[in-house]
C-alpha atoms as a PDB file:
ATOM      1  CA  MET A   1     -12.311  21.308   6.103  1.00  0.00           C
ATOM      2  CA  ARG A   2     -12.706  18.279   8.344  1.00  0.00           C
ATOM      3  CA  THR A   3     -10.701  18.242  11.535  1.00  0.00           C
ATOM      4  CA  GLU A   4      -9.439  15.306  13.559  1.00  0.00           C
ATOM      5  CA  GLU A   5     -11.905  16.055  16.327  1.00  0.00           C
ATOM      6  CA  THR A   6     -14.990  16.332  14.129  1.00  0.00           C
ATOM      7  CA  ALA A   7     -13.915  13.296  12.124  1.00  0.00           C
ATOM      8  CA  GLY A   8     -14.182  11.212  15.256  1.00  0.00           C
ATOM      9  CA  ALA A   9     -17.256  12.871  16.728  1.00  0.00           C
ATOM     10  CA  GLY A  10     -19.733  11.085  14.488  1.00  0.00           C
ATOM     11  CA  THR A  11     -21.733  14.236  13.702  1.00  0.00           C
ATOM     12  CA  ARG A  12     -21.727  13.488   9.975  1.00  0.00           C
ATOM     13  CA  ARG A  13     -20.673   9.862   9.992  1.00  0.00           C
ATOM     14  CA  ARG A  14     -22.975   7.236   8.556  1.00  0.00           C
ATOM     15  CA  ALA A  15     -23.845   4.497  11.008  1.00  0.00           C
ATOM     16  CA  GLU A  16     -21.612   1.473  10.586  1.00  0.00           C
ATOM     17  CA  PRO A  17     -22.181  -1.820  12.349  1.00  0.00           C
ATOM     18  CA  CYS A  18     -19.271  -3.380  14.191  1.00  0.00           C
ATOM     19  CA  GLY A  19     -18.041  -6.930  13.886  1.00  0.00           C
ATOM     20  CA  ASP A  20     -16.174  -9.025  11.381  1.00  0.00           C
ATOM     21  CA  ARG A  21     -19.081  -9.782   9.073  1.00  0.00           C
ATOM     22  CA  PRO A  22     -19.857  -6.161   8.112  1.00  0.00           C
ATOM     23  CA  PHE A  23     -16.136  -5.511   7.649  1.00  0.00           C
ATOM     24  CA  GLU A  24     -15.746  -8.531   5.393  1.00  0.00           C
ATOM     25  CA  ARG A  25     -18.734  -7.435   3.304  1.00  0.00           C
ATOM     26  CA  TRP A  26     -17.256  -3.967   2.939  1.00  0.00           C
ATOM     27  CA  ARG A  27     -13.787  -5.324   2.193  1.00  0.00           C
ATOM     28  CA  ALA A  28     -15.047  -7.576  -0.586  1.00  0.00           C
ATOM     29  CA  ALA A  29     -17.225  -4.854  -2.131  1.00  0.00           C
ATOM     30  CA  ALA A  30     -14.542  -2.161  -1.920  1.00  0.00           C
ATOM     31  CA  SER A  31     -11.859  -4.433  -3.360  1.00  0.00           C
ATOM     32  CA  ALA A  32     -14.148  -5.389  -6.246  1.00  0.00           C
ATOM     33  CA  ARG A  33     -14.924  -1.720  -6.874  1.00  0.00           C
ATOM     34  CA  VAL A  34     -11.235  -0.821  -7.094  1.00  0.00           C
ATOM     35  CA  THR A  35     -10.605  -3.721  -9.457  1.00  0.00           C
ATOM     36  CA  ARG A  36     -13.542  -2.737 -11.653  1.00  0.00           C
ATOM     37  CA  LEU A  37     -12.426   0.910 -11.879  1.00  0.00           C
ATOM     38  CA  LEU A  38      -8.894  -0.131 -12.806  1.00  0.00           C
ATOM     39  CA  GLN A  39     -10.255  -2.436 -15.513  1.00  0.00           C
ATOM     40  CA  LEU A  40     -12.344   0.416 -16.918  1.00  0.00           C
ATOM     41  CA  ARG A  41      -9.292   2.679 -16.958  1.00  0.00           C
ATOM     42  CA  PHE A  42      -7.248   0.149 -18.915  1.00  0.00           C
ATOM     43  CA  SER A  43     -10.155  -0.465 -21.274  1.00  0.00           C
ATOM     44  CA  ARG A  44     -10.173   3.253 -22.101  1.00  0.00           C
ATOM     45  CA  LEU A  45      -6.401   3.306 -22.548  1.00  0.00           C
ATOM     46  CA  ARG A  46      -6.618   0.472 -25.058  1.00  0.00           C
ATOM     47  CA  ARG A  47      -8.987   2.315 -27.379  1.00  0.00           C
ATOM     48  CA  GLY A  48      -7.067   3.099 -30.550  1.00  0.00           C
ATOM     49  CA  ALA A  49      -3.727   2.038 -29.049  1.00  0.00           C
ATOM     50  CA  PRO A  50      -1.219   0.598 -31.561  1.00  0.00           C
ATOM     51  CA  PRO A  51      -0.081  -3.018 -31.041  1.00  0.00           C
ATOM     52  CA  GLU A  52       3.161  -2.004 -29.336  1.00  0.00           C
ATOM     53  CA  VAL A  53       1.340   0.131 -26.778  1.00  0.00           C
ATOM     54  CA  SER A  54      -1.272  -2.597 -26.298  1.00  0.00           C
ATOM     55  CA  ARG A  55       1.572  -4.962 -25.424  1.00  0.00           C
ATOM     56  CA  LEU A  56       2.816  -2.455 -22.849  1.00  0.00           C
ATOM     57  CA  LEU A  57      -0.700  -2.207 -21.407  1.00  0.00           C
ATOM     58  CA  ASP A  58      -0.816  -5.996 -21.204  1.00  0.00           C
ATOM     59  CA  ALA A  59       2.387  -5.931 -19.144  1.00  0.00           C
ATOM     60  CA  MET A  60       1.067  -3.135 -16.920  1.00  0.00           C
ATOM     61  CA  GLU A  61      -2.162  -4.987 -16.254  1.00  0.00           C
ATOM     62  CA  TRP A  62      -0.588  -8.422 -15.801  1.00  0.00           C
ATOM     63  CA  THR A  63       0.157  -8.161 -12.075  1.00  0.00           C
ATOM     64  CA  LEU A  64      -2.991  -6.117 -11.390  1.00  0.00           C
ATOM     65  CA  ALA A  65      -5.118  -8.812 -13.015  1.00  0.00           C
ATOM     66  CA  GLY A  66      -3.367 -11.443 -10.912  1.00  0.00           C
ATOM     67  CA  GLY A  67      -5.463 -10.409  -7.939  1.00  0.00           C
ATOM     68  CA  GLY A  68      -3.868  -9.174  -4.756  1.00  0.00           C
ATOM     69  CA  LYS A  69      -5.515  -8.175  -1.524  1.00  0.00           C
ATOM     70  CA  ARG A  70      -5.900  -4.465  -2.405  1.00  0.00           C
ATOM     71  CA  LEU A  71      -4.689  -3.598   1.090  1.00  0.00           C
ATOM     72  CA  ARG A  72      -3.444  -0.125   0.228  1.00  0.00           C
ATOM     73  CA  PRO A  73      -6.618   0.928  -1.622  1.00  0.00           C
ATOM     74  CA  LEU A  74      -8.680  -0.334   1.314  1.00  0.00           C
ATOM     75  CA  LEU A  75      -6.589   1.792   3.660  1.00  0.00           C
ATOM     76  CA  ALA A  76      -7.206   4.866   1.491  1.00  0.00           C
ATOM     77  CA  LEU A  77     -10.946   4.236   1.411  1.00  0.00           C
ATOM     78  CA  ALA A  78     -11.146   3.538   5.143  1.00  0.00           C
ATOM     79  CA  ALA A  79      -9.251   6.751   5.885  1.00  0.00           C
ATOM     80  CA  SER A  80     -11.574   8.746   3.633  1.00  0.00           C
ATOM     81  CA  HIS A  81     -14.579   7.268   5.434  1.00  0.00           C
ATOM     82  CA  ALA A  82     -13.008   8.015   8.826  1.00  0.00           C
ATOM     83  CA  ALA A  83     -12.393  11.610   7.749  1.00  0.00           C
ATOM     84  CA  CYS A  84     -15.789  12.514   6.311  1.00  0.00           C
ATOM     85  CA  GLY A  85     -18.132   9.529   6.575  1.00  0.00           C
ATOM     86  CA  ASP A  86     -17.828   8.760   2.853  1.00  0.00           C
ATOM     87  CA  GLU A  87     -15.206   6.677   1.083  1.00  0.00           C
ATOM     88  CA  ARG A  88     -15.907   8.114  -2.370  1.00  0.00           C
ATOM     89  CA  PRO A  89     -13.577  11.121  -2.065  1.00  0.00           C
ATOM     90  CA  GLY A  90     -10.708   8.690  -1.440  1.00  0.00           C
ATOM     91  CA  LEU A  91     -11.271   6.620  -4.592  1.00  0.00           C
ATOM     92  CA  PRO A  92      -8.596   8.386  -6.712  1.00  0.00           C
ATOM     93  CA  ALA A  93      -6.091   7.804  -3.922  1.00  0.00           C
ATOM     94  CA  ALA A  94      -7.139   4.156  -3.709  1.00  0.00           C
ATOM     95  CA  LEU A  95      -6.493   3.606  -7.413  1.00  0.00           C
ATOM     96  CA  ALA A  96      -3.238   5.561  -7.310  1.00  0.00           C
ATOM     97  CA  VAL A  97      -1.716   3.669  -4.397  1.00  0.00           C
ATOM     98  CA  GLU A  98      -2.591   0.308  -5.960  1.00  0.00           C
ATOM     99  CA  LEU A  99      -0.892   1.338  -9.204  1.00  0.00           C
ATOM    100  CA  MET A 100       2.130   2.633  -7.295  1.00  0.00           C
ATOM    101  CA  HIS A 101       2.344  -0.561  -5.255  1.00  0.00           C
ATOM    102  CA  THR A 102       2.063  -2.677  -8.394  1.00  0.00           C
ATOM    103  CA  TYR A 103       4.851  -0.705 -10.080  1.00  0.00           C
ATOM    104  CA  SER A 104       7.076  -1.455  -7.093  1.00  0.00           C
ATOM    105  CA  LEU A 105       6.294  -5.179  -7.336  1.00  0.00           C
ATOM    106  CA  VAL A 106       7.069  -5.273 -11.059  1.00  0.00           C
ATOM    107  CA  HIS A 107      10.468  -3.656 -10.521  1.00  0.00           C
ATOM    108  CA  ASP A 108      11.179  -5.521  -7.275  1.00  0.00           C
ATOM    109  CA  ASP A 109      10.816  -8.873  -9.049  1.00  0.00           C
ATOM    110  CA  LEU A 110      13.450  -8.039 -11.684  1.00  0.00           C
ATOM    111  CA  PRO A 111      16.609 -10.184 -11.720  1.00  0.00           C
ATOM    112  CA  GLU A 112      18.697  -7.157 -10.766  1.00  0.00           C
ATOM    113  CA  LEU A 113      16.661  -6.662  -7.578  1.00  0.00           C
ATOM    114  CA  ASP A 114      14.878  -9.530  -5.791  1.00  0.00           C
ATOM    115  CA  ASP A 115      14.926 -11.887  -8.791  1.00  0.00           C
ATOM    116  CA  ASP A 116      11.495 -13.406  -8.146  1.00  0.00           C
ATOM    117  CA  ALA A 117       9.937 -15.325 -11.038  1.00  0.00           C
ATOM    118  CA  VAL A 118       6.488 -15.654  -9.431  1.00  0.00           C
ATOM    119  CA  ARG A 119       4.099 -12.948  -8.226  1.00  0.00           C
ATOM    120  CA  ARG A 120       0.532 -13.482  -7.011  1.00  0.00           C
ATOM    121  CA  GLY A 121       0.680 -17.098  -8.069  1.00  0.00           C
ATOM    122  CA  ARG A 122       1.611 -16.420 -11.696  1.00  0.00           C
ATOM    123  CA  PRO A 123       4.779 -15.550 -13.638  1.00  0.00           C
ATOM    124  CA  ALA A 124       6.249 -12.169 -12.742  1.00  0.00           C
ATOM    125  CA  VAL A 125       6.020  -9.503 -15.433  1.00  0.00           C
ATOM    126  CA  HIS A 126       9.663  -9.849 -16.501  1.00  0.00           C
ATOM    127  CA  ALA A 127       9.243 -13.630 -16.754  1.00  0.00           C
ATOM    128  CA  ARG A 128       6.150 -13.214 -18.931  1.00  0.00           C
ATOM    129  CA  PHE A 129       7.053 -10.174 -21.050  1.00  0.00           C
ATOM    130  CA  GLY A 130      10.816  -9.771 -20.669  1.00  0.00           C
ATOM    131  CA  PRO A 131      12.843  -7.407 -18.428  1.00  0.00           C
ATOM    132  CA  ALA A 132      12.774  -4.418 -20.815  1.00  0.00           C
ATOM    133  CA  LEU A 133       8.992  -4.297 -21.046  1.00  0.00           C
ATOM    134  CA  ALA A 134       8.735  -4.926 -17.292  1.00  0.00           C
ATOM    135  CA  ILE A 135      10.808  -1.801 -16.637  1.00  0.00           C
ATOM    136  CA  LEU A 136       8.614   0.239 -18.976  1.00  0.00           C
ATOM    137  CA  ALA A 137       5.456  -1.212 -17.431  1.00  0.00           C
ATOM    138  CA  GLY A 138       6.603  -0.134 -13.957  1.00  0.00           C
ATOM    139  CA  ASP A 139       7.431   3.354 -15.221  1.00  0.00           C
ATOM    140  CA  ALA A 140       4.032   3.683 -16.879  1.00  0.00           C
ATOM    141  CA  LEU A 141       2.162   2.409 -13.804  1.00  0.00           C
ATOM    142  CA  GLN A 142       3.808   5.097 -11.688  1.00  0.00           C
ATOM    143  CA  SER A 143       2.911   7.816 -14.202  1.00  0.00           C
ATOM    144  CA  LEU A 144      -0.681   6.604 -14.391  1.00  0.00           C
ATOM    145  CA  ALA A 145      -0.930   6.683 -10.590  1.00  0.00           C
ATOM    146  CA  PHE A 146      -0.173  10.399 -10.482  1.00  0.00           C
ATOM    147  CA  GLU A 147      -2.439  11.112 -13.456  1.00  0.00           C
ATOM    148  CA  ILE A 148      -5.386   9.548 -11.619  1.00  0.00           C
ATOM    149  CA  LEU A 149      -4.501  11.239  -8.333  1.00  0.00           C
ATOM    150  CA  ALA A 150      -4.394  14.664  -9.993  1.00  0.00           C
ATOM    151  CA  GLU A 151      -7.708  14.336 -11.840  1.00  0.00           C
ATOM    152  CA  PRO A 152      -9.958  15.409  -8.924  1.00  0.00           C
ATOM    153  CA  ALA A 153      -8.441  18.902  -9.033  1.00  0.00           C
ATOM    154  CA  ALA A 154     -10.640  19.563 -12.069  1.00  0.00           C
ATOM    155  CA  ARG A 155     -13.829  18.219 -10.463  1.00  0.00           C
ATOM    156  CA  PRO A 156     -16.384  20.046  -8.330  1.00  0.00           C
ATOM    157  CA  GLY A 157     -16.341  19.120  -4.679  1.00  0.00           C
ATOM    158  CA  TYR A 158     -12.621  18.490  -4.427  1.00  0.00           C
ATOM    159  CA  ALA A 159     -10.310  21.055  -2.847  1.00  0.00           C
ATOM    160  CA  ALA A 160      -7.176  21.641  -4.909  1.00  0.00           C
ATOM    161  CA  GLU A 161      -5.236  21.917  -1.660  1.00  0.00           C
ATOM    162  CA  GLY A 162      -6.222  18.381  -0.685  1.00  0.00           C
ATOM    163  CA  VAL A 163      -5.301  17.008  -4.109  1.00  0.00           C
ATOM    164  CA  ALA A 164      -1.896  18.703  -3.981  1.00  0.00           C
ATOM    165  CA  ARG A 165      -1.316  17.428  -0.455  1.00  0.00           C
ATOM    166  CA  ALA A 166      -2.201  13.863  -1.511  1.00  0.00           C
ATOM    167  CA  ALA A 167       0.175  14.059  -4.496  1.00  0.00           C
ATOM    168  CA  ARG A 168       3.044  15.297  -2.302  1.00  0.00           C
ATOM    169  CA  ILE A 169       2.376  12.545   0.228  1.00  0.00           C
ATOM    170  CA  LEU A 170       2.467   9.813  -2.402  1.00  0.00           C
ATOM    171  CA  ALA A 171       5.523  11.222  -4.181  1.00  0.00           C
ATOM    172  CA  ARG A 172       7.507  11.439  -0.964  1.00  0.00           C
ATOM    173  CA  ALA A 173       6.493   7.939   0.135  1.00  0.00           C
ATOM    174  CA  ALA A 174       7.601   6.478  -3.200  1.00  0.00           C
ATOM    175  CA  GLY A 175      10.844   8.441  -3.570  1.00  0.00           C
ATOM    176  CA  PRO A 176      14.374   8.431  -2.124  1.00  0.00           C
ATOM    177  CA  LEU A 177      13.166   9.106   1.420  1.00  0.00           C
ATOM    178  CA  GLY A 178      10.546   6.387   1.072  1.00  0.00           C
ATOM    179  CA  MET A 179      10.107   3.196  -0.908  1.00  0.00           C
ATOM    180  CA  ALA A 180      12.903   3.659  -3.467  1.00  0.00           C
ATOM    181  CA  GLY A 181      15.346   4.622  -0.739  1.00  0.00           C
ATOM    182  CA  GLY A 182      14.358   1.592   1.310  1.00  0.00           C
ATOM    183  CA  GLN A 183      14.855  -0.673  -1.687  1.00  0.00           C
ATOM    184  CA  ALA A 184      18.314   0.827  -2.226  1.00  0.00           C
ATOM    185  CA  GLU A 185      19.152   0.083   1.414  1.00  0.00           C
ATOM    186  CA  ASP A 186      17.773  -3.434   1.044  1.00  0.00           C
ATOM    187  CA  LEU A 187      20.173  -4.052  -1.839  1.00  0.00           C
ATOM    188  CA  ALA A 188      23.143  -2.477  -0.059  1.00  0.00           C
ATOM    189  CA  PHE A 189      22.545  -4.443   3.161  1.00  0.00           C
ATOM    190  CA  GLU A 190      22.534  -7.881   1.510  1.00  0.00           C
ATOM    191  CA  GLY A 191      25.250  -9.976   3.110  1.00  0.00           C
ATOM    192  CA  ARG A 192      25.990  -7.255   5.665  1.00  0.00           C
ATOM    193  CA  ASP A 193      25.112  -6.839   9.334  1.00  0.00           C
ATOM    194  CA  PRO A 194      23.516  -3.385   9.685  1.00  0.00           C
ATOM    195  CA  SER A 195      22.466  -2.065  13.078  1.00  0.00           C
ATOM    196  CA  ASP A 196      18.957  -2.531  14.439  1.00  0.00           C
ATOM    197  CA  GLY A 197      18.339   1.168  13.789  1.00  0.00           C
ATOM    198  CA  GLU A 198      19.381   0.808  10.146  1.00  0.00           C
ATOM    199  CA  ARG A 199      17.158  -2.217   9.736  1.00  0.00           C
ATOM    200  CA  ALA A 200      14.166  -0.422  11.274  1.00  0.00           C
ATOM    201  CA  ALA A 201      14.726   2.651   9.073  1.00  0.00           C
ATOM    202  CA  MET A 202      14.910   0.435   5.990  1.00  0.00           C
ATOM    203  CA  ALA A 203      11.623  -1.281   6.886  1.00  0.00           C
ATOM    204  CA  ARG A 204       9.977   2.097   7.441  1.00  0.00           C
ATOM    205  CA  ARG A 205      11.116   3.460   4.095  1.00  0.00           C
ATOM    206  CA  LYS A 206      10.621   0.297   2.072  1.00  0.00           C
ATOM    207  CA  THR A 207       7.177  -0.668   3.350  1.00  0.00           C
ATOM    208  CA  ALA A 208       5.696   1.494   6.095  1.00  0.00           C
ATOM    209  CA  GLU A 209       5.898   4.833   4.260  1.00  0.00           C
ATOM    210  CA  MET A 210       3.605   3.595   1.486  1.00  0.00           C
ATOM    211  CA  ILE A 211       1.196   2.068   4.010  1.00  0.00           C
ATOM    212  CA  ALA A 212       1.045   5.414   5.821  1.00  0.00           C
ATOM    213  CA  ALA A 213       0.724   7.318   2.535  1.00  0.00           C
ATOM    214  CA  SER A 214      -2.323   5.241   1.592  1.00  0.00           C
ATOM    215  CA  LEU A 215      -4.107   6.433   4.736  1.00  0.00           C
ATOM    216  CA  GLN A 216      -2.873  10.005   4.409  1.00  0.00           C
ATOM    217  CA  ALA A 217      -3.739  10.422   0.735  1.00  0.00           C
ATOM    218  CA  GLY A 218      -7.253   9.050   1.169  1.00  0.00           C
ATOM    219  CA  ALA A 219      -7.865  11.366   4.114  1.00  0.00           C
ATOM    220  CA  ALA A 220      -6.323  14.370   2.329  1.00  0.00           C
ATOM    221  CA  LEU A 221      -8.768  14.009  -0.579  1.00  0.00           C
ATOM    222  CA  ALA A 222     -11.580  13.808   1.985  1.00  0.00           C
ATOM    223  CA  GLY A 223     -10.512  17.168   3.429  1.00  0.00           C
ATOM    224  CA  LEU A 224      -8.989  16.051   6.730  1.00  0.00           C
ATOM    225  CA  ASP A 225      -6.812  18.689   8.390  1.00  0.00           C
ATOM    226  CA  PRO A 226      -3.008  18.323   8.746  1.00  0.00           C
ATOM    227  CA  ARG A 227      -3.238  17.355  12.406  1.00  0.00           C
ATOM    228  CA  GLY A 228      -5.529  14.446  11.624  1.00  0.00           C
ATOM    229  CA  ILE A 229      -3.394  13.409   8.657  1.00  0.00           C
ATOM    230  CA  ALA A 230      -0.337  13.382  10.940  1.00  0.00           C
ATOM    231  CA  ARG A 231      -2.153  11.065  13.337  1.00  0.00           C
ATOM    232  CA  LEU A 232      -2.998   8.719  10.482  1.00  0.00           C
ATOM    233  CA  ARG A 233       0.643   8.805   9.434  1.00  0.00           C
ATOM    234  CA  ARG A 234       1.675   7.575  12.885  1.00  0.00           C
ATOM    235  CA  ALA A 235      -0.892   4.784  12.700  1.00  0.00           C
ATOM    236  CA  GLY A 236       0.262   3.834   9.217  1.00  0.00           C
ATOM    237  CA  LEU A 237       3.972   3.795  10.061  1.00  0.00           C
ATOM    238  CA  ALA A 238       3.372   1.533  13.057  1.00  0.00           C
ATOM    239  CA  ALA A 239       1.068  -0.801  11.125  1.00  0.00           C
ATOM    240  CA  GLY A 240       3.434  -0.766   8.142  1.00  0.00           C
ATOM    241  CA  GLU A 241       6.464  -1.800  10.190  1.00  0.00           C
ATOM    242  CA  ALA A 242       4.370  -4.550  11.800  1.00  0.00           C
ATOM    243  CA  PHE A 243       3.250  -5.646   8.320  1.00  0.00           C
ATOM    244  CA  GLN A 244       6.898  -5.935   7.221  1.00  0.00           C
ATOM    245  CA  ILE A 245       7.807  -7.997  10.273  1.00  0.00           C
ATOM    246  CA  ARG A 246       4.835 -10.281   9.601  1.00  0.00           C
ATOM    247  CA  ASP A 247       5.951 -10.580   5.972  1.00  0.00           C
ATOM    248  CA  ASP A 248       9.474 -11.529   7.073  1.00  0.00           C
ATOM    249  CA  LEU A 249       8.045 -14.158   9.438  1.00  0.00           C
ATOM    250  CA  LEU A 250       5.888 -15.602   6.658  1.00  0.00           C
ATOM    251  CA  ASN A 251       8.907 -15.726   4.357  1.00  0.00           C
ATOM    252  CA  LEU A 252      10.916 -17.526   7.032  1.00  0.00           C
ATOM    253  CA  GLU A 253       8.177 -19.968   7.965  1.00  0.00           C
ATOM    254  CA  GLY A 254       7.122 -20.618   4.395  1.00  0.00           C
ATOM    255  CA  ASP A 255       3.566 -19.639   3.471  1.00  0.00           C
ATOM    256  CA  PRO A 256       3.572 -18.696  -0.220  1.00  0.00           C
ATOM    257  CA  ALA A 257      -0.244 -18.713  -0.285  1.00  0.00           C
ATOM    258  CA  LEU A 258      -0.333 -15.654   1.992  1.00  0.00           C
ATOM    259  CA  MET A 259       2.635 -13.919   0.362  1.00  0.00           C
ATOM    260  CA  GLY A 260       1.759 -14.573  -3.278  1.00  0.00           C
ATOM    261  CA  LYS A 261       5.392 -15.467  -4.038  1.00  0.00           C
ATOM    262  CA  ALA A 262       7.950 -18.110  -3.158  1.00  0.00           C
ATOM    263  CA  ALA A 263       8.878 -18.548   0.502  1.00  0.00           C
ATOM    264  CA  GLY A 264      12.391 -18.727   1.936  1.00  0.00           C
ATOM    265  CA  THR A 265      13.866 -16.274  -0.562  1.00  0.00           C
ATOM    266  CA  ASP A 266      15.034 -13.736   2.042  1.00  0.00           C
ATOM    267  CA  ALA A 267      17.341 -16.220   3.747  1.00  0.00           C
ATOM    268  CA  GLY A 268      18.716 -17.334   0.396  1.00  0.00           C
ATOM    269  CA  ARG A 269      19.684 -13.767  -0.494  1.00  0.00           C
ATOM    270  CA  LYS A 270      20.942 -13.008   3.047  1.00  0.00           C
ATOM    271  CA  LYS A 271      18.452 -10.173   3.417  1.00  0.00           C
ATOM    272  CA  ALA A 272      18.924  -7.829   6.367  1.00  0.00           C
ATOM    273  CA  SER A 273      15.774  -7.407   8.440  1.00  0.00           C
ATOM    274  CA  LEU A 274      14.705  -6.851  12.021  1.00  0.00           C
ATOM    275  CA  LEU A 275      13.761 -10.514  12.086  1.00  0.00           C
ATOM    276  CA  THR A 276      17.336 -11.634  11.462  1.00  0.00           C
ATOM    277  CA  SER A 277      18.684  -9.465  14.285  1.00  0.00           C
ATOM    278  CA  LEU A 278      15.873  -9.840  16.833  1.00  0.00           C
ATOM    279  CA  GLY A 279      14.965 -13.448  16.205  1.00  0.00           C
ATOM    280  CA  PRO A 280      11.399 -14.725  15.698  1.00  0.00           C
ATOM    281  CA  GLU A 281      10.250 -14.413  19.322  1.00  0.00           C
ATOM    282  CA  ALA A 282      11.441 -10.842  19.884  1.00  0.00           C
ATOM    283  CA  ALA A 283      10.163  -9.909  16.418  1.00  0.00           C
ATOM    284  CA  ARG A 284       6.692 -11.125  17.384  1.00  0.00           C
ATOM    285  CA  GLU A 285       6.851  -9.035  20.559  1.00  0.00           C
ATOM    286  CA  ARG A 286       7.826  -5.997  18.488  1.00  0.00           C
ATOM    287  CA  LEU A 287       4.957  -6.742  16.114  1.00  0.00           C
ATOM    288  CA  CYS A 288       2.462  -6.746  19.000  1.00  0.00           C
ATOM    289  CA  ALA A 289       3.792  -3.445  20.356  1.00  0.00           C
ATOM    290  CA  LEU A 290       3.498  -1.843  16.927  1.00  0.00           C
ATOM    291  CA  SER A 291      -0.048  -3.148  16.561  1.00  0.00           C
ATOM    292  CA  ARG A 292      -1.018  -1.479  19.827  1.00  0.00           C
ATOM    293  CA  GLU A 293       0.635   1.758  18.725  1.00  0.00           C
ATOM    294  CA  ALA A 294      -1.314   1.761  15.444  1.00  0.00           C
ATOM    295  CA  ALA A 295      -4.577   1.168  17.317  1.00  0.00           C
ATOM    296  CA  ARG A 296      -3.876   4.027  19.757  1.00  0.00           C
ATOM    297  CA  SER A 297      -3.134   6.472  16.943  1.00  0.00           C
ATOM    298  CA  ALA A 298      -6.344   5.556  15.093  1.00  0.00           C
ATOM    299  CA  ALA A 299      -8.558   5.525  18.213  1.00  0.00           C
ATOM    300  CA  PRO A 300      -9.651   9.227  18.098  1.00  0.00           C
ATOM    301  CA  PHE A 301     -11.369   8.649  14.752  1.00  0.00           C
ATOM    302  CA  ARG A 302     -13.708   6.104  16.356  1.00  0.00           C
ATOM    303  CA  SER A 303     -13.983   4.264  13.058  1.00  0.00           C
ATOM    304  CA  PRO A 304     -14.664   0.488  13.232  1.00  0.00           C
ATOM    305  CA  ARG A 305     -13.747   0.232   9.567  1.00  0.00           C
ATOM    306  CA  LEU A 306     -10.365   1.882  10.057  1.00  0.00           C
ATOM    307  CA  ASP A 307      -9.682  -0.179  13.173  1.00  0.00           C
ATOM    308  CA  SER A 308     -10.567  -3.400  11.356  1.00  0.00           C
ATOM    309  CA  ILE A 309      -8.403  -2.770   8.306  1.00  0.00           C
ATOM    310  CA  LEU A 310      -5.405  -1.850  10.471  1.00  0.00           C
ATOM    311  CA  ARG A 311      -5.862  -5.019  12.513  1.00  0.00           C
ATOM    312  CA  ALA A 312      -6.224  -7.131   9.361  1.00  0.00           C
ATOM    313  CA  LEU A 313      -3.103  -5.498   7.931  1.00  0.00           C
ATOM    314  CA  VAL A 314      -1.007  -6.438  10.944  1.00  0.00           C
ATOM    315  CA  LEU A 315      -2.424  -9.948  11.336  1.00  0.00           C
ATOM    316  CA  ARG A 316      -2.487 -10.699   7.568  1.00  0.00           C
ATOM    317  CA  THR A 317      -5.934 -12.252   8.001  1.00  0.00           C
ATOM    318  CA  PHE A 318      -6.809 -11.982   4.308  1.00  0.00           C
END
């Protein structure tokens, strides 16, 4: 089993050049690889599927095919590489977290939740296929995520303990103490004035837990020990909260090209966020502090790739 110390020592790590250009090359290649593997998975699912199931698969794949930055898969792959010098063990986690994230987007866009008609520059799933099929598509995406995550348990070279740990991490991050709980708080806080602590907890559950889980699950499949996984969790929670603050700022300032959806919607729905209580200037200061915290937590791994993806996550540079 890899430990936090050996993961950062470079004894088995492949040499990786520093700088933006190598990172951008890796980012583009890794994102394309995730997209290609997801397309292959859906191609297999379509074989022999009746028309009704094919329609469901169309709805499931609609948002995935719309693009997206593949941030969470990249985090899983970078964490796997930081843990063992190879991103391949983290591939099932990368696919799983992208499917889980996409499920959350499909449901989040529904009229009963955020009521967004556009996602990734195209009609949201419920606007294209209807709300009923959108609900089923989200359910099926979540199920498929866990199916893919569990598959390595039957393959040579994967430790069942790591697979189980990754599945628990993802389930907790998506459940009532994570993303779903944060979304419930988001709904309940509309039009209210929750405390700063309540707002921060909501941001952690709604967004940061899944960011952290992407790192943790990728590293767990790569055999990183619990101490190292805990350190990655701290990095992910800090970067995830910063990511949410940046998202709130983008929504306020109006940059739909970066968000992939309409701007200004949070104010229209009277969303509760740290931004609304702190104000833009203090929120930016908080964002910078969180960025530094994420960098400190990731520093022992001495991984330029991990450092770069965390920085890109916070700055929203792609």
